[in-house]
Amino acid sequence: MTHMVDAASPHDHVQHSQMLMPTSWVKTPPVLEGMQSLDLTNSKTSARVSKLCKQKHLKPPSAFIKTNSFHYGKYENNKLVSVISLSAMNLNKMPGSVAISIDLAASTDTRHSMSTALTSIKKMMRKRRNPCVLFTQCAQTESARAFWAGKLTSTKRASVLTALFHEFDNRYQIYEDAEDMAIFFD
């Protein structure tokens, strides 16, 4: 079970000149290889996502994530086997500079659809000319740590971004039993 905590000021962790400041929510969804867009306002789709989250011992998406994030999934034999929810913010009022938070990632897929989706996000971010970051709050479970190992790294800068997202919009949850992980494209 995850618990929300109050965010410490990001200024406590990193000097102001090094910060990537969120300035607005991204409105255009990224394209993820191997995944299709999901509509969580559809009750049947939302129930499938909740069922997959329950299987992986994760909380289903909050109302904030349902309305503010971009959702993708992979189906096999009409069964949802992977889901990922992303929220994205423009940074420093610089065109092309974005931070993408992986708000939810759950998968029972043995064909690596989640890894393929992450690779496509990283590829898209690498092509941008301005600084970008991909980050998440990793659950403190063996399977979550094993999945994220080598894909993202634990860093204070990731914790700062989590705090900045929360500071920009206090509906963005910070979990006390999660490890902040990121990859930066400078």
C-alpha atoms as a PDB file:
ATOM      1  CA  MET A   1       0.000   0.000   0.000  1.00  0.00           C
ATOM      2  CA  THR A   2       1.374   3.394  -0.898  1.00  0.00           C
ATOM      3  CA  HIS A   3       0.949   6.491   1.223  1.00  0.00           C
ATOM      4  CA  MET A   4       1.019  10.110   0.166  1.00  0.00           C
ATOM      5  CA  VAL A   5       3.373  12.496   1.949  1.00  0.00           C
ATOM      6  CA  ASP A   6       3.860  16.225   1.887  1.00  0.00           C
ATOM      7  CA  ALA A   7       6.512  17.376  -0.565  1.00  0.00           C
ATOM      8  CA  ALA A   8       9.629  19.040   0.750  1.00  0.00           C
ATOM      9  CA  SER A   9      10.537  22.183  -1.097  1.00  0.00           C
ATOM     10  CA  PRO A  10      12.629  21.234  -4.137  1.00  0.00           C
ATOM     11  CA  HIS A  11      14.868  24.191  -3.254  1.00  0.00           C
ATOM     12  CA  ASP A  12      16.046  22.168  -0.234  1.00  0.00           C
ATOM     13  CA  HIS A  13      17.674  19.637  -2.554  1.00  0.00           C
ATOM     14  CA  VAL A  14      19.088  21.366  -5.647  1.00  0.00           C
ATOM     15  CA  GLN A  15      20.340  24.844  -6.439  1.00  0.00           C
ATOM     16  CA  HIS A  16      17.844  26.927  -8.419  1.00  0.00           C
ATOM     17  CA  SER A  17      20.130  27.210 -11.462  1.00  0.00           C
ATOM     18  CA  GLN A  18      20.117  23.420 -11.928  1.00  0.00           C
ATOM     19  CA  MET A  19      16.344  23.002 -11.794  1.00  0.00           C
ATOM     20  CA  LEU A  20      14.036  22.041 -14.586  1.00  0.00           C
ATOM     21  CA  MET A  21      10.885  23.959 -13.646  1.00  0.00           C
ATOM     22  CA  PRO A  22       7.477  22.658 -14.800  1.00  0.00           C
ATOM     23  CA  THR A  23       5.536  25.420 -16.526  1.00  0.00           C
ATOM     24  CA  SER A  24       2.433  23.768 -18.062  1.00  0.00           C
ATOM     25  CA  TRP A  25       0.797  20.405 -18.719  1.00  0.00           C
ATOM     26  CA  VAL A  26       1.503  18.818 -22.116  1.00  0.00           C
ATOM     27  CA  LYS A  27      -1.723  18.419 -24.082  1.00  0.00           C
ATOM     28  CA  THR A  28      -0.519  16.207 -26.974  1.00  0.00           C
ATOM     29  CA  PRO A  29      -0.059  12.537 -26.078  1.00  0.00           C
ATOM     30  CA  PRO A  30       3.191  10.837 -27.028  1.00  0.00           C
ATOM     31  CA  VAL A  31       3.028   7.806 -29.320  1.00  0.00           C
ATOM     32  CA  LEU A  32       4.121   4.564 -27.676  1.00  0.00           C
ATOM     33  CA  GLU A  33       5.363   1.685 -29.788  1.00  0.00           C
ATOM     34  CA  GLY A  34       3.492  -1.547 -29.127  1.00  0.00           C
ATOM     35  CA  MET A  35       0.705   0.089 -27.100  1.00  0.00           C
ATOM     36  CA  GLN A  36      -2.683   1.539 -27.932  1.00  0.00           C
ATOM     37  CA  SER A  37      -4.330   4.537 -26.323  1.00  0.00           C
ATOM     38  CA  LEU A  38      -6.826   3.719 -23.560  1.00  0.00           C
ATOM     39  CA  ASP A  39      -9.864   5.717 -22.476  1.00  0.00           C
ATOM     40  CA  LEU A  40     -10.249   5.393 -18.707  1.00  0.00           C
ATOM     41  CA  THR A  41     -13.564   7.250 -18.789  1.00  0.00           C
ATOM     42  CA  ASN A  42     -14.930   4.024 -20.341  1.00  0.00           C
ATOM     43  CA  SER A  43     -16.130   1.930 -17.393  1.00  0.00           C
ATOM     44  CA  LYS A  44     -15.193  -1.400 -19.015  1.00  0.00           C
ATOM     45  CA  THR A  45     -11.638  -0.220 -19.764  1.00  0.00           C
ATOM     46  CA  SER A  46     -11.303   1.294 -16.295  1.00  0.00           C
ATOM     47  CA  ALA A  47     -12.426  -2.016 -14.721  1.00  0.00           C
ATOM     48  CA  ARG A  48      -9.822  -3.912 -16.782  1.00  0.00           C
ATOM     49  CA  VAL A  49      -7.093  -1.513 -15.640  1.00  0.00           C
ATOM     50  CA  SER A  50      -8.183  -1.869 -11.993  1.00  0.00           C
ATOM     51  CA  LYS A  51      -8.165  -5.671 -12.318  1.00  0.00           C
ATOM     52  CA  LEU A  52      -4.612  -5.649 -13.728  1.00  0.00           C
ATOM     53  CA  CYS A  53      -3.474  -3.290 -10.952  1.00  0.00           C
ATOM     54  CA  LYS A  54      -5.003  -5.603  -8.341  1.00  0.00           C
ATOM     55  CA  GLN A  55      -3.158  -8.575  -9.871  1.00  0.00           C
ATOM     56  CA  LYS A  56       0.126  -6.656  -9.520  1.00  0.00           C
ATOM     57  CA  HIS A  57      -0.729  -5.428  -5.977  1.00  0.00           C
ATOM     58  CA  LEU A  58      -0.950  -1.783  -7.103  1.00  0.00           C
ATOM     59  CA  LYS A  59      -3.538   0.853  -6.342  1.00  0.00           C
ATOM     60  CA  PRO A  60      -5.784   1.584  -9.332  1.00  0.00           C
ATOM     61  CA  PRO A  61      -5.332   5.007 -10.938  1.00  0.00           C
ATOM     62  CA  SER A  62      -6.609   7.915  -8.843  1.00  0.00           C
ATOM     63  CA  ALA A  63      -9.190  10.331 -10.235  1.00  0.00           C
ATOM     64  CA  PHE A  64      -6.330  12.767 -10.914  1.00  0.00           C
ATOM     65  CA  ILE A  65      -4.370  10.185 -12.918  1.00  0.00           C
ATOM     66  CA  LYS A  66      -7.503   9.117 -14.800  1.00  0.00           C
ATOM     67  CA  THR A  67      -8.223  12.676 -15.958  1.00  0.00           C
ATOM     68  CA  ASN A  68      -4.728  14.156 -16.235  1.00  0.00           C
ATOM     69  CA  SER A  69      -2.557  11.351 -17.618  1.00  0.00           C
ATOM     70  CA  PHE A  70      -2.195   9.691 -20.999  1.00  0.00           C
ATOM     71  CA  HIS A  71      -3.081   5.977 -20.812  1.00  0.00           C
ATOM     72  CA  TYR A  72      -1.844   3.120 -22.963  1.00  0.00           C
ATOM     73  CA  GLY A  73      -2.386  -0.603 -22.943  1.00  0.00           C
ATOM     74  CA  LYS A  74      -1.599  -3.865 -24.656  1.00  0.00           C
ATOM     75  CA  TYR A  75      -4.193  -6.576 -25.176  1.00  0.00           C
ATOM     76  CA  GLU A  76      -3.646 -10.279 -25.823  1.00  0.00           C
ATOM     77  CA  ASN A  77      -6.659 -12.430 -26.698  1.00  0.00           C
ATOM     78  CA  ASN A  78      -8.965  -9.567 -25.670  1.00  0.00           C
ATOM     79  CA  LYS A  79      -7.335  -9.432 -22.207  1.00  0.00           C
ATOM     80  CA  LEU A  80      -5.465  -6.350 -20.951  1.00  0.00           C
ATOM     81  CA  VAL A  81      -1.906  -7.505 -20.168  1.00  0.00           C
ATOM     82  CA  SER A  82      -0.072  -4.159 -19.832  1.00  0.00           C
ATOM     83  CA  VAL A  83      -1.028  -0.631 -18.844  1.00  0.00           C
ATOM     84  CA  ILE A  84       1.026   2.523 -18.499  1.00  0.00           C
ATOM     85  CA  SER A  85      -0.150   6.005 -17.518  1.00  0.00           C
ATOM     86  CA  LEU A  86       2.024   9.053 -18.188  1.00  0.00           C
ATOM     87  CA  SER A  87       1.706  12.681 -17.191  1.00  0.00           C
ATOM     88  CA  ALA A  88       3.860  15.229 -18.973  1.00  0.00           C
ATOM     89  CA  MET A  89       4.847  18.834 -18.331  1.00  0.00           C
ATOM     90  CA  ASN A  90       6.655  21.398 -20.386  1.00  0.00           C
ATOM     91  CA  LEU A  91       9.826  22.632 -18.695  1.00  0.00           C
ATOM     92  CA  ASN A  92      11.307  26.114 -18.307  1.00  0.00           C
ATOM     93  CA  LYS A  93       9.037  27.532 -21.020  1.00  0.00           C
ATOM     94  CA  MET A  94      11.437  25.962 -23.543  1.00  0.00           C
ATOM     95  CA  PRO A  95       9.761  24.365 -26.590  1.00  0.00           C
ATOM     96  CA  GLY A  96      10.567  20.667 -26.700  1.00  0.00           C
ATOM     97  CA  SER A  97      11.793  20.453 -23.101  1.00  0.00           C
ATOM     98  CA  VAL A  98       9.530  18.030 -21.238  1.00  0.00           C
ATOM     99  CA  ALA A  99       9.343  15.913 -18.107  1.00  0.00           C
ATOM    100  CA  ILE A 100       7.324  12.708 -18.301  1.00  0.00           C
ATOM    101  CA  SER A 101       6.190  11.015 -15.119  1.00  0.00           C
ATOM    102  CA  ILE A 102       5.277   7.350 -15.274  1.00  0.00           C
ATOM    103  CA  ASP A 103       2.305   7.452 -12.933  1.00  0.00           C
ATOM    104  CA  LEU A 104       1.327   3.804 -13.297  1.00  0.00           C
ATOM    105  CA  ALA A 105       2.978   0.784 -14.918  1.00  0.00           C
ATOM    106  CA  ALA A 106       1.540  -2.706 -14.563  1.00  0.00           C
ATOM    107  CA  SER A 107       2.066  -5.733 -16.757  1.00  0.00           C
ATOM    108  CA  THR A 108       1.601  -9.479 -16.861  1.00  0.00           C
ATOM    109  CA  ASP A 109       2.833  -9.554 -20.463  1.00  0.00           C
ATOM    110  CA  THR A 110       5.709 -11.940 -21.114  1.00  0.00           C
ATOM    111  CA  ARG A 111       6.434 -10.353 -24.512  1.00  0.00           C
ATOM    112  CA  HIS A 112       8.054  -7.250 -23.021  1.00  0.00           C
ATOM    113  CA  SER A 113       5.488  -4.687 -24.198  1.00  0.00           C
ATOM    114  CA  MET A 114       6.322  -2.415 -21.243  1.00  0.00           C
ATOM    115  CA  SER A 115      10.037  -2.420 -22.082  1.00  0.00           C
ATOM    116  CA  THR A 116       9.196  -1.683 -25.729  1.00  0.00           C
ATOM    117  CA  ALA A 117       7.009   1.251 -24.674  1.00  0.00           C
ATOM    118  CA  LEU A 118       9.760   2.656 -22.429  1.00  0.00           C
ATOM    119  CA  THR A 119      12.307   2.320 -25.219  1.00  0.00           C
ATOM    120  CA  SER A 120      10.039   4.311 -27.551  1.00  0.00           C
ATOM    121  CA  ILE A 121       9.629   7.088 -24.930  1.00  0.00           C
ATOM    122  CA  LYS A 122      13.402   7.260 -24.409  1.00  0.00           C
ATOM    123  CA  LYS A 123      14.013   7.350 -28.175  1.00  0.00           C
ATOM    124  CA  MET A 124      11.553  10.236 -28.574  1.00  0.00           C
ATOM    125  CA  MET A 125      13.164  12.172 -25.708  1.00  0.00           C
ATOM    126  CA  ARG A 126      16.718  11.600 -26.996  1.00  0.00           C
ATOM    127  CA  LYS A 127      15.775  13.263 -30.299  1.00  0.00           C
ATOM    128  CA  ARG A 128      14.730  16.505 -28.612  1.00  0.00           C
ATOM    129  CA  ARG A 129      17.229  19.353 -28.567  1.00  0.00           C
ATOM    130  CA  ASN A 130      16.333  20.666 -25.110  1.00  0.00           C
ATOM    131  CA  PRO A 131      16.646  18.952 -21.719  1.00  0.00           C
ATOM    132  CA  CYS A 132      14.099  16.214 -21.015  1.00  0.00           C
ATOM    133  CA  VAL A 133      13.553  13.745 -18.193  1.00  0.00           C
ATOM    134  CA  LEU A 134      11.633  10.523 -17.693  1.00  0.00           C
ATOM    135  CA  PHE A 135      10.909   9.621 -14.062  1.00  0.00           C
ATOM    136  CA  THR A 136       8.774   7.499 -11.795  1.00  0.00           C
ATOM    137  CA  GLN A 137       8.109   6.661  -8.176  1.00  0.00           C
ATOM    138  CA  CYS A 138       9.105   2.989  -8.037  1.00  0.00           C
ATOM    139  CA  ALA A 139       7.200   0.754  -5.628  1.00  0.00           C
ATOM    140  CA  GLN A 140       9.396  -0.922  -3.039  1.00  0.00           C
ATOM    141  CA  THR A 141       8.722  -4.437  -4.289  1.00  0.00           C
ATOM    142  CA  GLU A 142      11.185  -6.974  -5.625  1.00  0.00           C
ATOM    143  CA  SER A 143       9.444  -7.202  -9.014  1.00  0.00           C
ATOM    144  CA  ALA A 144       9.281  -3.396  -9.430  1.00  0.00           C
ATOM    145  CA  ARG A 145      12.952  -2.965  -8.528  1.00  0.00           C
ATOM    146  CA  ALA A 146      13.924  -5.782 -10.899  1.00  0.00           C
ATOM    147  CA  PHE A 147      11.942  -4.228 -13.747  1.00  0.00           C
ATOM    148  CA  TRP A 148      13.315  -0.687 -13.319  1.00  0.00           C
ATOM    149  CA  ALA A 149      16.939  -1.789 -12.750  1.00  0.00           C
ATOM    150  CA  GLY A 150      18.991  -0.576 -15.702  1.00  0.00           C
ATOM    151  CA  LYS A 151      16.085   1.416 -17.161  1.00  0.00           C
ATOM    152  CA  LEU A 152      16.074   4.324 -14.682  1.00  0.00           C
ATOM    153  CA  THR A 153      18.401   5.208 -11.811  1.00  0.00           C
ATOM    154  CA  SER A 154      17.726   6.373  -8.285  1.00  0.00           C
ATOM    155  CA  THR A 155      18.796   9.993  -7.879  1.00  0.00           C
ATOM    156  CA  LYS A 156      18.048  13.084  -5.799  1.00  0.00           C
ATOM    157  CA  ARG A 157      17.260  14.929  -9.037  1.00  0.00           C
ATOM    158  CA  ALA A 158      14.352  12.484  -9.537  1.00  0.00           C
ATOM    159  CA  SER A 159      13.067  13.326  -6.057  1.00  0.00           C
ATOM    160  CA  VAL A 160      13.265  17.004  -6.921  1.00  0.00           C
ATOM    161  CA  LEU A 161      11.147  16.490 -10.045  1.00  0.00           C
ATOM    162  CA  THR A 162       8.556  14.580  -8.061  1.00  0.00           C
ATOM    163  CA  ALA A 163       8.418  17.499  -5.610  1.00  0.00           C
ATOM    164  CA  LEU A 164       8.239  20.048  -8.454  1.00  0.00           C
ATOM    165  CA  PHE A 165       5.309  18.231 -10.086  1.00  0.00           C
ATOM    166  CA  HIS A 166       3.545  18.240  -6.704  1.00  0.00           C
ATOM    167  CA  GLU A 167       4.378  21.901  -6.155  1.00  0.00           C
ATOM    168  CA  PHE A 168       3.012  22.795  -9.610  1.00  0.00           C
ATOM    169  CA  ASP A 169      -0.185  20.792  -9.020  1.00  0.00           C
ATOM    170  CA  ASN A 170      -0.820  19.509  -5.492  1.00  0.00           C
ATOM    171  CA  ARG A 171      -3.072  16.740  -6.818  1.00  0.00           C
ATOM    172  CA  TYR A 172       0.093  14.982  -8.043  1.00  0.00           C
ATOM    173  CA  GLN A 173       0.776  12.415  -5.317  1.00  0.00           C
ATOM    174  CA  ILE A 174       4.109  11.739  -3.652  1.00  0.00           C
ATOM    175  CA  TYR A 175       4.423   8.282  -2.106  1.00  0.00           C
ATOM    176  CA  GLU A 176       6.517   7.766   1.028  1.00  0.00           C
ATOM    177  CA  ASP A 177       7.194   4.100   0.296  1.00  0.00           C
ATOM    178  CA  ALA A 178       8.496   4.667  -3.232  1.00  0.00           C
ATOM    179  CA  GLU A 179      11.945   5.193  -4.671  1.00  0.00           C
ATOM    180  CA  ASP A 180      12.308   8.129  -7.079  1.00  0.00           C
ATOM    181  CA  MET A 181      14.046   7.073 -10.290  1.00  0.00           C
ATOM    182  CA  ALA A 182      14.828   8.916 -13.516  1.00  0.00           C
ATOM    183  CA  ILE A 183      16.826   9.232 -16.667  1.00  0.00           C
ATOM    184  CA  PHE A 184      17.898  12.706 -17.789  1.00  0.00           C
ATOM    185  CA  PHE A 185      18.454  13.741 -21.381  1.00  0.00           C
ATOM    186  CA  ASP A 186      20.588  16.891 -21.162  1.00  0.00           C
END
